[in-house]
PDB file of N, CA and C in Angstrom:
ATOM      1  N   MET A   1       0.691  -1.202   0.021  1.00  0.00           N
ATOM      2  CA  MET A   1       0.098  -0.141  -0.016  1.00  0.00           C
ATOM      3  C   MET A   1       0.626   1.130   0.028  1.00  0.00           C
ATOM      4  N   GLY A   2       0.465   2.267  -0.778  1.00  0.00           N
ATOM      5  CA  GLY A   2       1.226   3.518  -0.469  1.00  0.00           C
ATOM      6  C   GLY A   2       1.697   3.910   0.808  1.00  0.00           C
ATOM      7  N   GLY A   3       2.698   5.039   0.817  1.00  0.00           N
ATOM      8  CA  GLY A   3       3.007   5.348   2.309  1.00  0.00           C
ATOM      9  C   GLY A   3       3.947   4.411   2.553  1.00  0.00           C
ATOM     10  N   GLN A   4       4.431   4.245   3.849  1.00  0.00           N
ATOM     11  CA  GLN A   4       5.465   3.550   4.290  1.00  0.00           C
ATOM     12  C   GLN A   4       4.810   2.124   4.888  1.00  0.00           C
ATOM     13  N   ASP A   5       5.277   1.174   4.017  1.00  0.00           N
ATOM     14  CA  ASP A   5       4.940  -0.113   4.346  1.00  0.00           C
ATOM     15  C   ASP A   5       5.251  -0.622   5.716  1.00  0.00           C
ATOM     16  N   ASP A   6       4.300  -0.937   6.627  1.00  0.00           N
ATOM     17  CA  ASP A   6       5.163  -1.107   8.079  1.00  0.00           C
ATOM     18  C   ASP A   6       5.043  -2.525   8.322  1.00  0.00           C
ATOM     19  N   GLY A   7       4.916  -3.506   7.226  1.00  0.00           N
ATOM     20  CA  GLY A   7       5.347  -4.812   7.321  1.00  0.00           C
ATOM     21  C   GLY A   7       4.030  -5.722   7.707  1.00  0.00           C
ATOM     22  N   GLY A   8       3.019  -5.518   7.052  1.00  0.00           N
ATOM     23  CA  GLY A   8       1.848  -6.433   7.386  1.00  0.00           C
ATOM     24  C   GLY A   8       1.823  -7.744   6.416  1.00  0.00           C
ATOM     25  N   ARG A   9       2.892  -7.989   5.867  1.00  0.00           N
ATOM     26  CA  ARG A   9       2.913  -8.956   4.996  1.00  0.00           C
ATOM     27  C   ARG A   9       3.618 -10.307   5.100  1.00  0.00           C
ATOM     28  N   SER A  10       3.952 -10.405   6.290  1.00  0.00           N
ATOM     29  CA  SER A  10       4.973 -11.544   6.697  1.00  0.00           C
ATOM     30  C   SER A  10       4.392 -12.814   6.420  1.00  0.00           C
ATOM     31  N   GLY A  11       3.179 -13.100   5.988  1.00  0.00           N
ATOM     32  CA  GLY A  11       2.757 -14.401   5.548  1.00  0.00           C
ATOM     33  C   GLY A  11       2.233 -14.932   6.789  1.00  0.00           C
ATOM     34  N   ARG A  12       2.336 -14.492   8.113  1.00  0.00           N
ATOM     35  CA  ARG A  12       1.452 -14.902   9.449  1.00  0.00           C
ATOM     36  C   ARG A  12       0.319 -13.938   9.203  1.00  0.00           C
ATOM     37  N   PRO A  13      -0.455 -14.595  10.108  1.00  0.00           N
ATOM     38  CA  PRO A  13      -1.851 -13.864  10.093  1.00  0.00           C
ATOM     39  C   PRO A  13      -1.695 -12.730  11.248  1.00  0.00           C
ATOM     40  N   GLY A  14      -2.030 -11.602  10.889  1.00  0.00           N
ATOM     41  CA  GLY A  14      -1.720 -10.530  11.904  1.00  0.00           C
ATOM     42  C   GLY A  14      -2.917 -10.641  13.258  1.00  0.00           C
ATOM     43  N   PRO A  15      -2.805  -9.395  14.173  1.00  0.00           N
ATOM     44  CA  PRO A  15      -3.570  -9.647  15.191  1.00  0.00           C
ATOM     45  C   PRO A  15      -5.093  -9.426  14.766  1.00  0.00           C
ATOM     46  N   ARG A  16      -5.983 -10.094  15.500  1.00  0.00           N
ATOM     47  CA  ARG A  16      -7.399  -9.786  15.168  1.00  0.00           C
ATOM     48  C   ARG A  16      -8.054  -8.811  15.900  1.00  0.00           C
ATOM     49  N   ILE A  17      -8.630  -7.891  15.152  1.00  0.00           N
ATOM     50  CA  ILE A  17      -9.565  -6.917  15.808  1.00  0.00           C
ATOM     51  C   ILE A  17     -10.982  -7.083  15.920  1.00  0.00           C
ATOM     52  N   GLU A  18     -11.593  -7.055  16.914  1.00  0.00           N
ATOM     53  CA  GLU A  18     -13.105  -7.127  17.036  1.00  0.00           C
ATOM     54  C   GLU A  18     -14.015  -5.910  16.578  1.00  0.00           C
ATOM     55  N   ALA A  19     -15.126  -5.913  16.437  1.00  0.00           N
ATOM     56  CA  ALA A  19     -15.928  -4.841  15.932  1.00  0.00           C
ATOM     57  C   ALA A  19     -16.219  -3.909  17.372  1.00  0.00           C
ATOM     58  N   ALA A  20     -16.102  -4.584  18.464  1.00  0.00           N
ATOM     59  CA  ALA A  20     -16.102  -3.884  19.662  1.00  0.00           C
ATOM     60  C   ALA A  20     -14.957  -3.100  20.072  1.00  0.00           C
ATOM     61  N   ASP A  21     -13.707  -3.564  19.396  1.00  0.00           N
ATOM     62  CA  ASP A  21     -12.627  -2.899  19.694  1.00  0.00           C
ATOM     63  C   ASP A  21     -12.339  -1.471  19.084  1.00  0.00           C
ATOM     64  N   LEU A  22     -13.048  -1.597  17.886  1.00  0.00           N
ATOM     65  CA  LEU A  22     -13.208  -0.347  16.958  1.00  0.00           C
ATOM     66  C   LEU A  22     -14.553   0.560  17.429  1.00  0.00           C
ATOM     67  N   GLY A  23     -15.494  -0.036  17.680  1.00  0.00           N
ATOM     68  CA  GLY A  23     -16.669   0.579  18.155  1.00  0.00           C
ATOM     69  C   GLY A  23     -17.685   0.884  17.135  1.00  0.00           C
ATOM     70  N   GLU A  24     -17.385   0.014  15.953  1.00  0.00           N
ATOM     71  CA  GLU A  24     -18.137   0.049  14.589  1.00  0.00           C
ATOM     72  C   GLU A  24     -17.898  -1.246  14.172  1.00  0.00           C
ATOM     73  N   GLU A  25     -19.055  -1.636  13.106  1.00  0.00           N
ATOM     74  CA  GLU A  25     -19.444  -2.998  12.582  1.00  0.00           C
ATOM     75  C   GLU A  25     -18.077  -3.177  11.634  1.00  0.00           C
ATOM     76  N   LEU A  26     -17.560  -4.389  11.504  1.00  0.00           N
ATOM     77  CA  LEU A  26     -16.444  -4.759  10.356  1.00  0.00           C
ATOM     78  C   LEU A  26     -17.024  -4.722   9.001  1.00  0.00           C
ATOM     79  N   GLY A  27     -16.618  -4.558   8.082  1.00  0.00           N
ATOM     80  CA  GLY A  27     -17.146  -4.921   6.608  1.00  0.00           C
ATOM     81  C   GLY A  27     -17.556  -6.255   6.116  1.00  0.00           C
ATOM     82  N   ALA A  28     -18.364  -6.689   5.542  1.00  0.00           N
ATOM     83  CA  ALA A  28     -18.743  -7.915   5.369  1.00  0.00           C
ATOM     84  C   ALA A  28     -17.407  -8.711   4.650  1.00  0.00           C
ATOM     85  N   ARG A  29     -16.688  -8.243   3.732  1.00  0.00           N
ATOM     86  CA  ARG A  29     -15.511  -8.712   3.160  1.00  0.00           C
ATOM     87  C   ARG A  29     -14.186  -8.185   3.588  1.00  0.00           C
ATOM     88  N   ALA A  30     -14.115  -6.810   3.916  1.00  0.00           N
ATOM     89  CA  ALA A  30     -12.862  -6.168   4.488  1.00  0.00           C
ATOM     90  C   ALA A  30     -13.158  -4.912   5.276  1.00  0.00           C
ATOM     91  N   THR A  31     -12.255  -4.294   5.806  1.00  0.00           N
ATOM     92  CA  THR A  31     -12.454  -2.925   6.695  1.00  0.00           C
ATOM     93  C   THR A  31     -11.003  -2.524   6.614  1.00  0.00           C
ATOM     94  N   LEU A  32     -10.899  -1.220   6.527  1.00  0.00           N
ATOM     95  CA  LEU A  32     -10.229  -0.196   6.412  1.00  0.00           C
ATOM     96  C   LEU A  32     -10.036   0.390   7.551  1.00  0.00           C
ATOM     97  N   VAL A  33      -9.018   0.200   8.294  1.00  0.00           N
ATOM     98  CA  VAL A  33      -8.703   1.202   9.634  1.00  0.00           C
ATOM     99  C   VAL A  33      -7.768   2.061   9.621  1.00  0.00           C
ATOM    100  N   GLN A  34      -8.202   3.275   9.770  1.00  0.00           N
ATOM    101  CA  GLN A  34      -7.608   4.303   9.599  1.00  0.00           C
ATOM    102  C   GLN A  34      -7.105   5.019  10.928  1.00  0.00           C
ATOM    103  N   PHE A  35      -6.019   5.293  11.713  1.00  0.00           N
ATOM    104  CA  PHE A  35      -5.639   6.056  12.893  1.00  0.00           C
ATOM    105  C   PHE A  35      -5.522   7.298  12.596  1.00  0.00           C
ATOM    106  N   SER A  36      -5.919   8.004  12.964  1.00  0.00           N
ATOM    107  CA  SER A  36      -5.862   9.786  12.617  1.00  0.00           C
ATOM    108  C   SER A  36      -5.364  10.603  13.920  1.00  0.00           C
ATOM    109  N   SER A  37      -5.169  11.766  13.632  1.00  0.00           N
ATOM    110  CA  SER A  37      -5.135  12.677  14.720  1.00  0.00           C
ATOM    111  C   SER A  37      -5.658  14.227  14.089  1.00  0.00           C
ATOM    112  N   ALA A  38      -5.924  15.055  15.055  1.00  0.00           N
ATOM    113  CA  ALA A  38      -6.694  16.236  14.846  1.00  0.00           C
ATOM    114  C   ALA A  38      -5.681  16.960  13.656  1.00  0.00           C
ATOM    115  N   PHE A  39      -4.719  17.223  13.804  1.00  0.00           N
ATOM    116  CA  PHE A  39      -3.844  18.504  13.171  1.00  0.00           C
ATOM    117  C   PHE A  39      -3.039  17.616  12.016  1.00  0.00           C
ATOM    118  N   CYS A  40      -3.719  16.447  11.557  1.00  0.00           N
ATOM    119  CA  CYS A  40      -2.757  15.839  10.581  1.00  0.00           C
ATOM    120  C   CYS A  40      -3.232  15.927   9.288  1.00  0.00           C
ATOM    121  N   ALA A  41      -2.580  16.577   8.372  1.00  0.00           N
ATOM    122  CA  ALA A  41      -3.007  17.062   6.912  1.00  0.00           C
ATOM    123  C   ALA A  41      -3.043  15.635   6.350  1.00  0.00           C
ATOM    124  N   PRO A  42      -2.052  14.988   6.076  1.00  0.00           N
ATOM    125  CA  PRO A  42      -2.263  13.621   5.331  1.00  0.00           C
ATOM    126  C   PRO A  42      -3.276  12.760   6.035  1.00  0.00           C
ATOM    127  N   CYS A  43      -3.927  12.952   7.044  1.00  0.00           N
ATOM    128  CA  CYS A  43      -5.031  11.961   7.506  1.00  0.00           C
ATOM    129  C   CYS A  43      -6.373  12.711   6.763  1.00  0.00           C
ATOM    130  N   ARG A  44      -6.401  13.640   6.650  1.00  0.00           N
ATOM    131  CA  ARG A  44      -7.480  14.072   5.836  1.00  0.00           C
ATOM    132  C   ARG A  44      -7.670  13.480   4.359  1.00  0.00           C
ATOM    133  N   ALA A  45      -6.438  13.650   3.847  1.00  0.00           N
ATOM    134  CA  ALA A  45      -6.517  13.083   2.472  1.00  0.00           C
ATOM    135  C   ALA A  45      -6.569  11.664   2.505  1.00  0.00           C
ATOM    136  N   THR A  46      -6.192  10.861   3.420  1.00  0.00           N
ATOM    137  CA  THR A  46      -6.307   9.469   3.793  1.00  0.00           C
ATOM    138  C   THR A  46      -7.748   8.997   3.876  1.00  0.00           C
ATOM    139  N   ARG A  47      -8.586   9.992   4.764  1.00  0.00           N
ATOM    140  CA  ARG A  47     -10.093   9.984   4.998  1.00  0.00           C
ATOM    141  C   ARG A  47     -10.723   9.784   3.533  1.00  0.00           C
ATOM    142  N   ARG A  48     -10.387  10.670   2.796  1.00  0.00           N
ATOM    143  CA  ARG A  48     -10.989  10.860   1.521  1.00  0.00           C
ATOM    144  C   ARG A  48     -10.814   9.466   0.699  1.00  0.00           C
ATOM    145  N   VAL A  49      -9.473   9.395   0.366  1.00  0.00           N
ATOM    146  CA  VAL A  49      -8.985   8.148  -0.548  1.00  0.00           C
ATOM    147  C   VAL A  49      -9.707   6.679   0.179  1.00  0.00           C
ATOM    148  N   LEU A  50      -9.508   6.487   1.380  1.00  0.00           N
ATOM    149  CA  LEU A  50     -10.333   5.349   2.055  1.00  0.00           C
ATOM    150  C   LEU A  50     -11.846   5.286   1.973  1.00  0.00           C
ATOM    151  N   GLY A  51     -12.225   6.450   2.128  1.00  0.00           N
ATOM    152  CA  GLY A  51     -13.974   6.447   1.913  1.00  0.00           C
ATOM    153  C   GLY A  51     -14.283   6.436   0.384  1.00  0.00           C
ATOM    154  N   GLU A  52     -13.657   6.875  -0.271  1.00  0.00           N
ATOM    155  CA  GLU A  52     -13.960   6.644  -1.880  1.00  0.00           C
ATOM    156  C   GLU A  52     -13.747   4.851  -2.258  1.00  0.00           C
ATOM    157  N   VAL A  53     -12.829   4.184  -1.825  1.00  0.00           N
ATOM    158  CA  VAL A  53     -12.604   2.998  -1.944  1.00  0.00           C
ATOM    159  C   VAL A  53     -13.522   2.254  -1.407  1.00  0.00           C
ATOM    160  N   ALA A  54     -14.053   2.428  -0.231  1.00  0.00           N
ATOM    161  CA  ALA A  54     -15.114   1.592   0.711  1.00  0.00           C
ATOM    162  C   ALA A  54     -16.445   1.903   0.048  1.00  0.00           C
ATOM    163  N   ARG A  55     -16.931   3.142  -0.785  1.00  0.00           N
ATOM    164  CA  ARG A  55     -18.018   3.031  -1.248  1.00  0.00           C
ATOM    165  C   ARG A  55     -17.929   2.643  -2.924  1.00  0.00           C
ATOM    166  N   MET A  56     -16.681   2.286  -3.282  1.00  0.00           N
ATOM    167  CA  MET A  56     -16.509   1.757  -4.428  1.00  0.00           C
ATOM    168  C   MET A  56     -16.528   0.275  -4.615  1.00  0.00           C
ATOM    169  N   VAL A  57     -16.022  -0.307  -3.553  1.00  0.00           N
ATOM    170  CA  VAL A  57     -15.720  -1.688  -3.144  1.00  0.00           C
ATOM    171  C   VAL A  57     -16.871  -2.259  -2.234  1.00  0.00           C
ATOM    172  N   PRO A  58     -18.040  -3.349  -2.866  1.00  0.00           N
ATOM    173  CA  PRO A  58     -18.961  -3.627  -2.015  1.00  0.00           C
ATOM    174  C   PRO A  58     -18.353  -4.478  -0.799  1.00  0.00           C
ATOM    175  N   GLY A  59     -19.046  -4.520   0.226  1.00  0.00           N
ATOM    176  CA  GLY A  59     -18.635  -5.355   1.344  1.00  0.00           C
ATOM    177  C   GLY A  59     -17.596  -4.678   2.187  1.00  0.00           C
ATOM    178  N   VAL A  60     -17.016  -3.243   1.621  1.00  0.00           N
ATOM    179  CA  VAL A  60     -15.704  -2.845   2.509  1.00  0.00           C
ATOM    180  C   VAL A  60     -16.134  -1.855   3.331  1.00  0.00           C
ATOM    181  N   ALA A  61     -15.699  -1.640   4.697  1.00  0.00           N
ATOM    182  CA  ALA A  61     -15.949  -0.557   5.325  1.00  0.00           C
ATOM    183  C   ALA A  61     -14.792   0.409   5.713  1.00  0.00           C
ATOM    184  N   HIS A  62     -15.031   1.567   5.974  1.00  0.00           N
ATOM    185  CA  HIS A  62     -13.866   2.374   6.392  1.00  0.00           C
ATOM    186  C   HIS A  62     -14.017   2.878   7.832  1.00  0.00           C
ATOM    187  N   VAL A  63     -13.252   2.655   8.669  1.00  0.00           N
ATOM    188  CA  VAL A  63     -13.370   3.170  10.058  1.00  0.00           C
ATOM    189  C   VAL A  63     -12.249   3.987  10.485  1.00  0.00           C
ATOM    190  N   GLU A  64     -12.646   5.044  10.855  1.00  0.00           N
ATOM    191  CA  GLU A  64     -11.621   6.173  11.234  1.00  0.00           C
ATOM    192  C   GLU A  64     -11.505   6.271  12.570  1.00  0.00           C
ATOM    193  N   ILE A  65     -10.222   6.044  13.500  1.00  0.00           N
ATOM    194  CA  ILE A  65     -10.132   5.961  14.753  1.00  0.00           C
ATOM    195  C   ILE A  65      -9.247   7.294  15.194  1.00  0.00           C
ATOM    196  N   ASP A  66      -9.987   8.076  16.099  1.00  0.00           N
ATOM    197  CA  ASP A  66      -8.843   9.089  16.593  1.00  0.00           C
ATOM    198  C   ASP A  66      -7.884   8.589  17.778  1.00  0.00           C
ATOM    199  N   ALA A  67      -6.557   8.679  17.154  1.00  0.00           N
ATOM    200  CA  ALA A  67      -5.619   7.979  18.043  1.00  0.00           C
ATOM    201  C   ALA A  67      -5.178   8.673  19.279  1.00  0.00           C
ATOM    202  N   GLU A  68      -5.712   9.993  19.498  1.00  0.00           N
ATOM    203  CA  GLU A  68      -5.361  10.470  20.685  1.00  0.00           C
ATOM    204  C   GLU A  68      -6.529  10.397  21.694  1.00  0.00           C
ATOM    205  N   ALA A  69      -7.849   9.621  21.158  1.00  0.00           N
ATOM    206  CA  ALA A  69      -8.997   9.518  22.176  1.00  0.00           C
ATOM    207  C   ALA A  69      -8.748   7.991  22.372  1.00  0.00           C
ATOM    208  N   ARG A  70      -8.107   7.219  21.615  1.00  0.00           N
ATOM    209  CA  ARG A  70      -8.070   5.766  21.857  1.00  0.00           C
ATOM    210  C   ARG A  70      -6.639   5.193  21.927  1.00  0.00           C
ATOM    211  N   LEU A  71      -5.926   5.825  23.085  1.00  0.00           N
ATOM    212  CA  LEU A  71      -4.525   5.586  23.334  1.00  0.00           C
ATOM    213  C   LEU A  71      -4.261   3.953  23.707  1.00  0.00           C
ATOM    214  N   GLU A  72      -5.237   3.512  24.319  1.00  0.00           N
ATOM    215  CA  GLU A  72      -5.000   1.997  24.745  1.00  0.00           C
ATOM    216  C   GLU A  72      -5.139   1.092  23.414  1.00  0.00           C
ATOM    217  N   LEU A  73      -5.880   1.207  22.610  1.00  0.00           N
ATOM    218  CA  LEU A  73      -5.907   0.368  21.263  1.00  0.00           C
ATOM    219  C   LEU A  73      -4.677   0.917  20.346  1.00  0.00           C
ATOM    220  N   VAL A  74      -4.427   2.075  20.289  1.00  0.00           N
ATOM    221  CA  VAL A  74      -3.002   2.503  19.467  1.00  0.00           C
ATOM    222  C   VAL A  74      -1.940   1.983  20.089  1.00  0.00           C
ATOM    223  N   ARG A  75      -1.807   1.588  21.605  1.00  0.00           N
ATOM    224  CA  ARG A  75      -0.729   1.166  21.980  1.00  0.00           C
ATOM    225  C   ARG A  75      -0.675  -0.460  21.561  1.00  0.00           C
ATOM    226  N   SER A  76      -1.836  -0.895  21.944  1.00  0.00           N
ATOM    227  CA  SER A  76      -2.010  -2.411  21.850  1.00  0.00           C
ATOM    228  C   SER A  76      -1.597  -2.948  20.313  1.00  0.00           C
ATOM    229  N   LEU A  77      -1.735  -1.890  19.426  1.00  0.00           N
ATOM    230  CA  LEU A  77      -1.552  -2.113  17.768  1.00  0.00           C
ATOM    231  C   LEU A  77      -0.289  -1.590  17.375  1.00  0.00           C
ATOM    232  N   GLY A  78       0.531  -0.939  18.268  1.00  0.00           N
ATOM    233  CA  GLY A  78       1.694  -0.763  17.924  1.00  0.00           C
ATOM    234  C   GLY A  78       1.573   0.523  17.001  1.00  0.00           C
ATOM    235  N   VAL A  79       0.905   1.536  17.027  1.00  0.00           N
ATOM    236  CA  VAL A  79       0.591   2.637  16.107  1.00  0.00           C
ATOM    237  C   VAL A  79       1.413   3.519  16.728  1.00  0.00           C
ATOM    238  N   ARG A  80       2.386   4.107  15.669  1.00  0.00           N
ATOM    239  CA  ARG A  80       3.448   5.158  16.214  1.00  0.00           C
ATOM    240  C   ARG A  80       3.295   6.395  15.604  1.00  0.00           C
ATOM    241  N   LYS A  81       2.772   6.323  14.224  1.00  0.00           N
ATOM    242  CA  LYS A  81       2.488   7.712  13.439  1.00  0.00           C
ATOM    243  C   LYS A  81       1.113   7.716  13.142  1.00  0.00           C
ATOM    244  N   THR A  82       0.505   8.868  12.653  1.00  0.00           N
ATOM    245  CA  THR A  82      -0.553   9.102  11.745  1.00  0.00           C
ATOM    246  C   THR A  82      -0.436   9.749  10.408  1.00  0.00           C
ATOM    247  N   PRO A  83      -1.073   9.212   9.435  1.00  0.00           N
ATOM    248  CA  PRO A  83      -2.069   8.223   9.581  1.00  0.00           C
ATOM    249  C   PRO A  83      -1.639   6.693   9.378  1.00  0.00           C
ATOM    250  N   THR A  84      -2.054   5.839   9.964  1.00  0.00           N
ATOM    251  CA  THR A  84      -1.796   4.664  10.154  1.00  0.00           C
ATOM    252  C   THR A  84      -2.891   3.985   9.139  1.00  0.00           C
ATOM    253  N   VAL A  85      -3.031   2.767   8.511  1.00  0.00           N
ATOM    254  CA  VAL A  85      -3.982   2.386   7.862  1.00  0.00           C
ATOM    255  C   VAL A  85      -3.710   0.791   8.052  1.00  0.00           C
ATOM    256  N   LEU A  86      -4.853   0.168   8.563  1.00  0.00           N
ATOM    257  CA  LEU A  86      -4.919  -1.385   8.900  1.00  0.00           C
ATOM    258  C   LEU A  86      -5.758  -1.811   7.845  1.00  0.00           C
ATOM    259  N   VAL A  87      -5.469  -2.948   6.933  1.00  0.00           N
ATOM    260  CA  VAL A  87      -6.453  -3.596   6.214  1.00  0.00           C
ATOM    261  C   VAL A  87      -6.906  -4.902   6.889  1.00  0.00           C
ATOM    262  N   LEU A  88      -7.873  -4.974   7.095  1.00  0.00           N
ATOM    263  CA  LEU A  88      -8.664  -6.151   8.081  1.00  0.00           C
ATOM    264  C   LEU A  88      -9.350  -7.320   7.089  1.00  0.00           C
ATOM    265  N   ASP A  89      -9.139  -8.439   7.200  1.00  0.00           N
ATOM    266  CA  ASP A  89     -10.097  -9.307   6.297  1.00  0.00           C
ATOM    267  C   ASP A  89     -11.468  -9.486   6.783  1.00  0.00           C
ATOM    268  N   ALA A  90     -12.285 -10.262   6.525  1.00  0.00           N
ATOM    269  CA  ALA A  90     -13.640 -10.231   6.950  1.00  0.00           C
ATOM    270  C   ALA A  90     -13.834 -10.782   8.534  1.00  0.00           C
ATOM    271  N   GLY A  91     -12.804 -11.614   8.923  1.00  0.00           N
ATOM    272  CA  GLY A  91     -12.879 -12.267  10.347  1.00  0.00           C
ATOM    273  C   GLY A  91     -12.143 -11.162  11.232  1.00  0.00           C
ATOM    274  N   GLY A  92     -11.650  -9.889  10.550  1.00  0.00           N
ATOM    275  CA  GLY A  92     -10.846  -8.802  11.396  1.00  0.00           C
ATOM    276  C   GLY A  92      -9.496  -8.969  11.752  1.00  0.00           C
ATOM    277  N   ARG A  93      -8.925  -9.925  11.082  1.00  0.00           N
ATOM    278  CA  ARG A  93      -7.458 -10.101  10.954  1.00  0.00           C
ATOM    279  C   ARG A  93      -6.679  -9.036  10.132  1.00  0.00           C
ATOM    280  N   VAL A  94      -5.506  -8.514  10.673  1.00  0.00           N
ATOM    281  CA  VAL A  94      -4.796  -7.482  10.006  1.00  0.00           C
ATOM    282  C   VAL A  94      -3.971  -8.186   9.040  1.00  0.00           C
ATOM    283  N   VAL A  95      -4.351  -7.755   7.450  1.00  0.00           N
ATOM    284  CA  VAL A  95      -3.674  -8.659   6.534  1.00  0.00           C
ATOM    285  C   VAL A  95      -2.505  -7.693   5.905  1.00  0.00           C
ATOM    286  N   ARG A  96      -2.734  -6.308   6.057  1.00  0.00           N
ATOM    287  CA  ARG A  96      -1.760  -5.298   5.605  1.00  0.00           C
ATOM    288  C   ARG A  96      -1.691  -3.977   6.633  1.00  0.00           C
ATOM    289  N   ARG A  97      -0.475  -3.279   6.695  1.00  0.00           N
ATOM    290  CA  ARG A  97      -0.657  -2.344   7.558  1.00  0.00           C
ATOM    291  C   ARG A  97       0.597  -1.417   6.834  1.00  0.00           C
ATOM    292  N   ALA A  98       0.168  -0.062   6.681  1.00  0.00           N
ATOM    293  CA  ALA A  98       0.760   0.861   6.011  1.00  0.00           C
ATOM    294  C   ALA A  98       0.733   2.567   7.098  1.00  0.00           C
ATOM    295  N   VAL A  99       1.818   3.075   6.904  1.00  0.00           N
ATOM    296  CA  VAL A  99       2.013   4.399   7.533  1.00  0.00           C
ATOM    297  C   VAL A  99       2.140   5.417   6.647  1.00  0.00           C
ATOM    298  N   GLY A 100       1.261   6.462   6.407  1.00  0.00           N
ATOM    299  CA  GLY A 100       1.357   7.580   5.659  1.00  0.00           C
ATOM    300  C   GLY A 100       0.372   7.386   4.690  1.00  0.00           C
ATOM    301  N   GLN A 101       0.192   8.637   3.698  1.00  0.00           N
ATOM    302  CA  GLN A 101      -0.949   8.456   3.170  1.00  0.00           C
ATOM    303  C   GLN A 101      -0.923   7.882   1.809  1.00  0.00           C
ATOM    304  N   PRO A 102      -1.746   6.991   1.488  1.00  0.00           N
ATOM    305  CA  PRO A 102      -1.916   6.032   0.585  1.00  0.00           C
ATOM    306  C   PRO A 102      -2.314   6.501  -0.893  1.00  0.00           C
ATOM    307  N   ARG A 103      -2.006   5.646  -1.785  1.00  0.00           N
ATOM    308  CA  ARG A 103      -2.694   6.233  -3.230  1.00  0.00           C
ATOM    309  C   ARG A 103      -4.116   5.144  -3.245  1.00  0.00           C
ATOM    310  N   LYS A 104      -4.839   5.546  -3.953  1.00  0.00           N
ATOM    311  CA  LYS A 104      -5.951   4.738  -4.040  1.00  0.00           C
ATOM    312  C   LYS A 104      -5.962   3.527  -4.777  1.00  0.00           C
ATOM    313  N   ALA A 105      -4.947   3.383  -5.740  1.00  0.00           N
ATOM    314  CA  ALA A 105      -4.816   2.057  -6.434  1.00  0.00           C
ATOM    315  C   ALA A 105      -4.022   1.237  -5.219  1.00  0.00           C
ATOM    316  N   ASP A 106      -2.889   1.736  -4.610  1.00  0.00           N
ATOM    317  CA  ASP A 106      -2.483   0.747  -3.399  1.00  0.00           C
ATOM    318  C   ASP A 106      -3.383   0.322  -2.712  1.00  0.00           C
ATOM    319  N   VAL A 107      -4.254   1.056  -2.086  1.00  0.00           N
ATOM    320  CA  VAL A 107      -5.417   0.432  -1.288  1.00  0.00           C
ATOM    321  C   VAL A 107      -6.374  -0.493  -1.887  1.00  0.00           C
ATOM    322  N   ILE A 108      -6.582  -0.359  -3.125  1.00  0.00           N
ATOM    323  CA  ILE A 108      -7.560  -1.393  -3.914  1.00  0.00           C
ATOM    324  C   ILE A 108      -6.459  -2.571  -3.898  1.00  0.00           C
ATOM    325  N   ALA A 109      -5.307  -2.543  -4.388  1.00  0.00           N
ATOM    326  CA  ALA A 109      -4.448  -3.634  -4.359  1.00  0.00           C
ATOM    327  C   ALA A 109      -4.254  -4.413  -3.031  1.00  0.00           C
ATOM    328  N   ALA A 110      -4.258  -3.853  -1.936  1.00  0.00           N
ATOM    329  CA  ALA A 110      -4.016  -4.245  -0.643  1.00  0.00           C
ATOM    330  C   ALA A 110      -5.265  -5.166  -0.420  1.00  0.00           C
ATOM    331  N   LEU A 111      -6.418  -4.379  -0.665  1.00  0.00           N
ATOM    332  CA  LEU A 111      -7.899  -5.219  -0.585  1.00  0.00           C
ATOM    333  C   LEU A 111      -7.785  -6.647  -1.073  1.00  0.00           C
ATOM    334  N   GLY A 112      -7.217  -6.768  -2.222  1.00  0.00           N
ATOM    335  CA  GLY A 112      -6.972  -7.988  -2.967  1.00  0.00           C
ATOM    336  C   GLY A 112      -6.386  -9.050  -1.805  1.00  0.00           C
ATOM    337  N   GLU A 113      -5.548  -8.514  -0.944  1.00  0.00           N
ATOM    338  CA  GLU A 113      -5.030  -9.593   0.036  1.00  0.00           C
ATOM    339  C   GLU A 113      -6.254 -10.253   1.124  1.00  0.00           C
ATOM    340  N   ALA A 114      -7.034  -9.136   1.188  1.00  0.00           N
ATOM    341  CA  ALA A 114      -8.144  -9.162   2.251  1.00  0.00           C
ATOM    342  C   ALA A 114      -9.350 -10.241   1.877  1.00  0.00           C
ATOM    343  N   VAL A 115      -9.635  -9.774   0.349  1.00  0.00           N
ATOM    344  CA  VAL A 115     -11.143 -10.509   0.329  1.00  0.00           C
ATOM    345  C   VAL A 115     -11.036 -11.879  -0.571  1.00  0.00           C
TER     346      VAL A 115
END
């Protein structure tokens, strides 16, 4: 995925995230989880890109998490910078992870690993 790949392709399943952890339902096929902060300009652009992809691809949800308000979740997932994007499969497992502003084509390609 665009931005700096933070290593979500090790071949091992990543951590599993439940809908309750996010406070929102997971997508039927995949979920794009975005960690953002209030004064992060790339976060706004990332929100736009992920929202467009989620509207374009059936069964994909976009969930944005305020990193400052959810420090326990941020720490448990090792999020160090915003924006950080996690791609979850239908079961909530992290299949890709990237830091920085992604390109739409890279997000769509990353979804291929999740669906």
